[in-house]
């Protein structure tokens, strides 16, 4: 979602709300994706200050990708 505007994100949020209300997909799937998005991906908790910089950057990149994919 490069260059997405606030309007774009608001429309996506509204679409997701409508899909959940209409039971288009299982709520557990939605909850899992939403949890992944809110927590910056599943590997974010693995980051620590003792990691080499290159490894930290790789994990951060994975987390950003996972977070964007959850949307």
N, C-alpha and C. Protein backbone atom coordinates (compact mmCIF):
# COMPACT_ATOMS: atom_id res chain seq x y z
N UNK A 1 0.83 -1.18 0.00
CA UNK A 1 0.00 0.00 0.00
C UNK A 1 0.88 1.25 0.00
N UNK A 2 1.75 1.30 -0.93
CA UNK A 2 2.62 2.46 -1.06
C UNK A 2 1.80 3.67 -1.47
N UNK A 3 2.08 4.78 -0.83
CA UNK A 3 1.42 6.06 -1.13
C UNK A 3 -0.08 6.05 -0.83
N UNK A 4 -0.53 5.20 0.06
CA UNK A 4 -1.95 5.17 0.43
C UNK A 4 -2.29 6.42 1.23
N UNK A 5 -3.45 6.96 0.95
CA UNK A 5 -3.91 8.14 1.68
C UNK A 5 -4.79 7.71 2.84
N UNK A 6 -5.10 8.66 3.69
CA UNK A 6 -6.01 8.38 4.81
C UNK A 6 -7.37 7.93 4.28
N UNK A 7 -7.80 8.52 3.19
CA UNK A 7 -9.08 8.12 2.58
C UNK A 7 -9.03 6.66 2.13
N UNK A 8 -7.93 6.26 1.51
CA UNK A 8 -7.77 4.87 1.08
C UNK A 8 -7.89 3.91 2.26
N UNK A 9 -7.18 4.23 3.32
CA UNK A 9 -7.20 3.37 4.50
C UNK A 9 -8.57 3.33 5.16
N UNK A 10 -9.24 4.47 5.18
CA UNK A 10 -10.59 4.53 5.76
C UNK A 10 -11.55 3.67 4.95
N UNK A 11 -11.43 3.70 3.64
CA UNK A 11 -12.29 2.87 2.78
C UNK A 11 -12.05 1.39 3.02
N UNK A 12 -10.78 1.01 3.16
CA UNK A 12 -10.45 -0.39 3.43
C UNK A 12 -11.02 -0.81 4.78
N UNK A 13 -10.89 0.06 5.77
CA UNK A 13 -11.43 -0.24 7.10
C UNK A 13 -12.94 -0.43 7.04
N UNK A 14 -13.62 0.42 6.30
CA UNK A 14 -15.07 0.31 6.16
C UNK A 14 -15.45 -0.97 5.42
N UNK A 15 -14.70 -1.31 4.39
CA UNK A 15 -14.96 -2.55 3.65
C UNK A 15 -14.80 -3.76 4.56
N UNK A 16 -13.72 -3.78 5.35
CA UNK A 16 -13.51 -4.90 6.27
C UNK A 16 -14.64 -4.99 7.30
N UNK A 17 -15.08 -3.86 7.82
CA UNK A 17 -16.17 -3.86 8.80
C UNK A 17 -17.44 -4.47 8.18
N UNK A 18 -17.72 -4.10 6.95
CA UNK A 18 -18.92 -4.64 6.28
C UNK A 18 -18.77 -6.14 6.01
N UNK A 19 -17.59 -6.56 5.62
CA UNK A 19 -17.37 -7.99 5.36
C UNK A 19 -17.51 -8.82 6.63
N UNK A 20 -17.03 -8.29 7.75
CA UNK A 20 -17.16 -9.00 9.02
C UNK A 20 -18.63 -9.08 9.43
N UNK A 21 -19.37 -8.00 9.28
CA UNK A 21 -20.79 -7.98 9.65
C UNK A 21 -21.60 -8.97 8.81
N UNK A 22 -21.19 -9.15 7.55
CA UNK A 22 -21.92 -10.04 6.64
C UNK A 22 -21.38 -11.47 6.68
N UNK A 23 -20.44 -11.73 7.59
CA UNK A 23 -19.84 -13.07 7.72
C UNK A 23 -19.29 -13.60 6.40
N UNK A 24 -18.62 -12.72 5.65
CA UNK A 24 -18.02 -13.12 4.38
C UNK A 24 -16.84 -14.06 4.62
N UNK A 25 -16.10 -13.82 5.67
CA UNK A 25 -15.04 -14.74 6.06
C UNK A 25 -15.09 -14.93 7.55
N UNK A 26 -14.48 -16.00 8.00
CA UNK A 26 -14.57 -16.37 9.40
C UNK A 26 -13.95 -15.29 10.29
N UNK A 27 -14.61 -15.02 11.39
CA UNK A 27 -14.13 -13.98 12.31
C UNK A 27 -12.77 -14.34 12.91
N UNK A 28 -12.49 -15.63 13.08
CA UNK A 28 -11.20 -16.02 13.63
C UNK A 28 -10.06 -15.63 12.68
N UNK A 29 -10.30 -15.77 11.39
CA UNK A 29 -9.30 -15.34 10.41
C UNK A 29 -9.08 -13.84 10.52
N UNK A 30 -10.16 -13.09 10.57
CA UNK A 30 -10.07 -11.64 10.71
C UNK A 30 -9.32 -11.29 11.99
N UNK A 31 -9.67 -11.94 13.09
CA UNK A 31 -9.02 -11.65 14.37
C UNK A 31 -7.52 -11.95 14.33
N UNK A 32 -7.14 -13.05 13.68
CA UNK A 32 -5.73 -13.40 13.56
C UNK A 32 -4.97 -12.36 12.75
N UNK A 33 -5.55 -11.95 11.63
CA UNK A 33 -4.90 -10.93 10.81
C UNK A 33 -4.81 -9.60 11.55
N UNK A 34 -5.87 -9.23 12.24
CA UNK A 34 -5.88 -7.97 12.98
C UNK A 34 -4.84 -8.01 14.10
N UNK A 35 -4.74 -9.12 14.79
CA UNK A 35 -3.75 -9.27 15.86
C UNK A 35 -2.34 -9.17 15.28
N UNK A 36 -2.10 -9.79 14.14
CA UNK A 36 -0.79 -9.72 13.47
C UNK A 36 -0.47 -8.27 13.12
N UNK A 37 -1.45 -7.56 12.60
CA UNK A 37 -1.24 -6.16 12.23
C UNK A 37 -0.92 -5.30 13.46
N UNK A 38 -1.69 -5.45 14.51
CA UNK A 38 -1.50 -4.63 15.71
C UNK A 38 -0.19 -4.90 16.43
N UNK A 39 0.30 -6.14 16.31
CA UNK A 39 1.53 -6.52 17.01
C UNK A 39 2.75 -6.50 16.11
N UNK A 40 2.67 -5.81 14.99
CA UNK A 40 3.80 -5.63 14.07
C UNK A 40 4.35 -6.95 13.54
N UNK A 41 3.51 -7.93 13.39
CA UNK A 41 3.96 -9.23 12.89
C UNK A 41 4.26 -10.18 14.03
N UNK A 42 4.40 -11.44 13.69
CA UNK A 42 4.59 -12.45 14.73
C UNK A 42 6.02 -12.51 15.25
N UNK A 43 6.99 -12.01 14.49
CA UNK A 43 8.39 -12.09 14.91
C UNK A 43 8.89 -10.85 15.64
N UNK A 44 8.05 -9.83 15.78
CA UNK A 44 8.47 -8.58 16.40
C UNK A 44 8.96 -8.81 17.83
N UNK A 45 8.33 -9.73 18.52
CA UNK A 45 8.71 -10.00 19.92
C UNK A 45 10.10 -10.63 20.03
N UNK A 46 10.61 -11.16 18.90
CA UNK A 46 11.93 -11.80 18.90
C UNK A 46 13.08 -10.79 18.84
N UNK A 47 12.77 -9.53 18.55
CA UNK A 47 13.82 -8.52 18.46
C UNK A 47 14.42 -8.24 19.83
N UNK A 48 15.73 -8.07 19.87
CA UNK A 48 16.37 -7.66 21.12
C UNK A 48 17.64 -6.87 20.79
N UNK A 49 18.10 -6.13 21.75
CA UNK A 49 19.25 -5.23 21.54
C UNK A 49 20.55 -5.98 21.28
N UNK A 50 20.63 -7.23 21.67
CA UNK A 50 21.89 -7.97 21.49
C UNK A 50 22.05 -8.56 20.09
N UNK A 51 21.01 -8.47 19.27
CA UNK A 51 21.09 -8.99 17.90
C UNK A 51 22.03 -8.13 17.07
N UNK A 52 22.76 -8.73 16.17
CA UNK A 52 23.56 -7.93 15.24
C UNK A 52 22.64 -7.04 14.39
N UNK A 53 23.13 -5.88 14.01
CA UNK A 53 22.32 -4.90 13.29
C UNK A 53 21.72 -5.50 12.01
N UNK A 54 22.48 -6.26 11.28
CA UNK A 54 21.98 -6.85 10.04
C UNK A 54 20.80 -7.79 10.31
N UNK A 55 20.92 -8.59 11.36
CA UNK A 55 19.83 -9.51 11.74
C UNK A 55 18.60 -8.73 12.19
N UNK A 56 18.80 -7.69 13.00
CA UNK A 56 17.67 -6.86 13.44
C UNK A 56 16.95 -6.25 12.25
N UNK A 57 17.70 -5.73 11.29
CA UNK A 57 17.10 -5.13 10.10
C UNK A 57 16.32 -6.15 9.29
N UNK A 58 16.84 -7.37 9.21
CA UNK A 58 16.14 -8.43 8.48
C UNK A 58 14.81 -8.76 9.16
N UNK A 59 14.85 -8.90 10.49
CA UNK A 59 13.62 -9.21 11.23
C UNK A 59 12.62 -8.06 11.12
N UNK A 60 13.09 -6.83 11.22
CA UNK A 60 12.20 -5.67 11.09
C UNK A 60 11.55 -5.65 9.71
N UNK A 61 12.33 -5.94 8.67
CA UNK A 61 11.77 -5.98 7.31
C UNK A 61 10.71 -7.06 7.19
N UNK A 62 10.96 -8.23 7.79
CA UNK A 62 9.97 -9.31 7.78
C UNK A 62 8.70 -8.89 8.52
N UNK A 63 8.88 -8.22 9.65
CA UNK A 63 7.74 -7.76 10.44
C UNK A 63 6.90 -6.77 9.65
N UNK A 64 7.56 -5.82 8.99
CA UNK A 64 6.83 -4.83 8.18
C UNK A 64 6.07 -5.51 7.06
N UNK A 65 6.71 -6.48 6.42
CA UNK A 65 6.05 -7.19 5.33
C UNK A 65 4.83 -7.97 5.85
N UNK A 66 5.01 -8.64 6.96
CA UNK A 66 3.91 -9.42 7.54
C UNK A 66 2.76 -8.51 7.97
N UNK A 67 3.11 -7.36 8.55
CA UNK A 67 2.08 -6.42 8.98
C UNK A 67 1.30 -5.90 7.78
N UNK A 68 2.00 -5.52 6.71
CA UNK A 68 1.33 -5.04 5.51
C UNK A 68 0.47 -6.15 4.88
N UNK A 69 0.97 -7.36 4.90
CA UNK A 69 0.22 -8.48 4.33
C UNK A 69 -1.06 -8.76 5.10
N UNK A 70 -1.03 -8.51 6.40
CA UNK A 70 -2.21 -8.75 7.23
C UNK A 70 -3.36 -7.84 6.84
N UNK A 71 -3.02 -6.65 6.36
CA UNK A 71 -4.07 -5.72 5.93
C UNK A 71 -4.79 -6.31 4.76
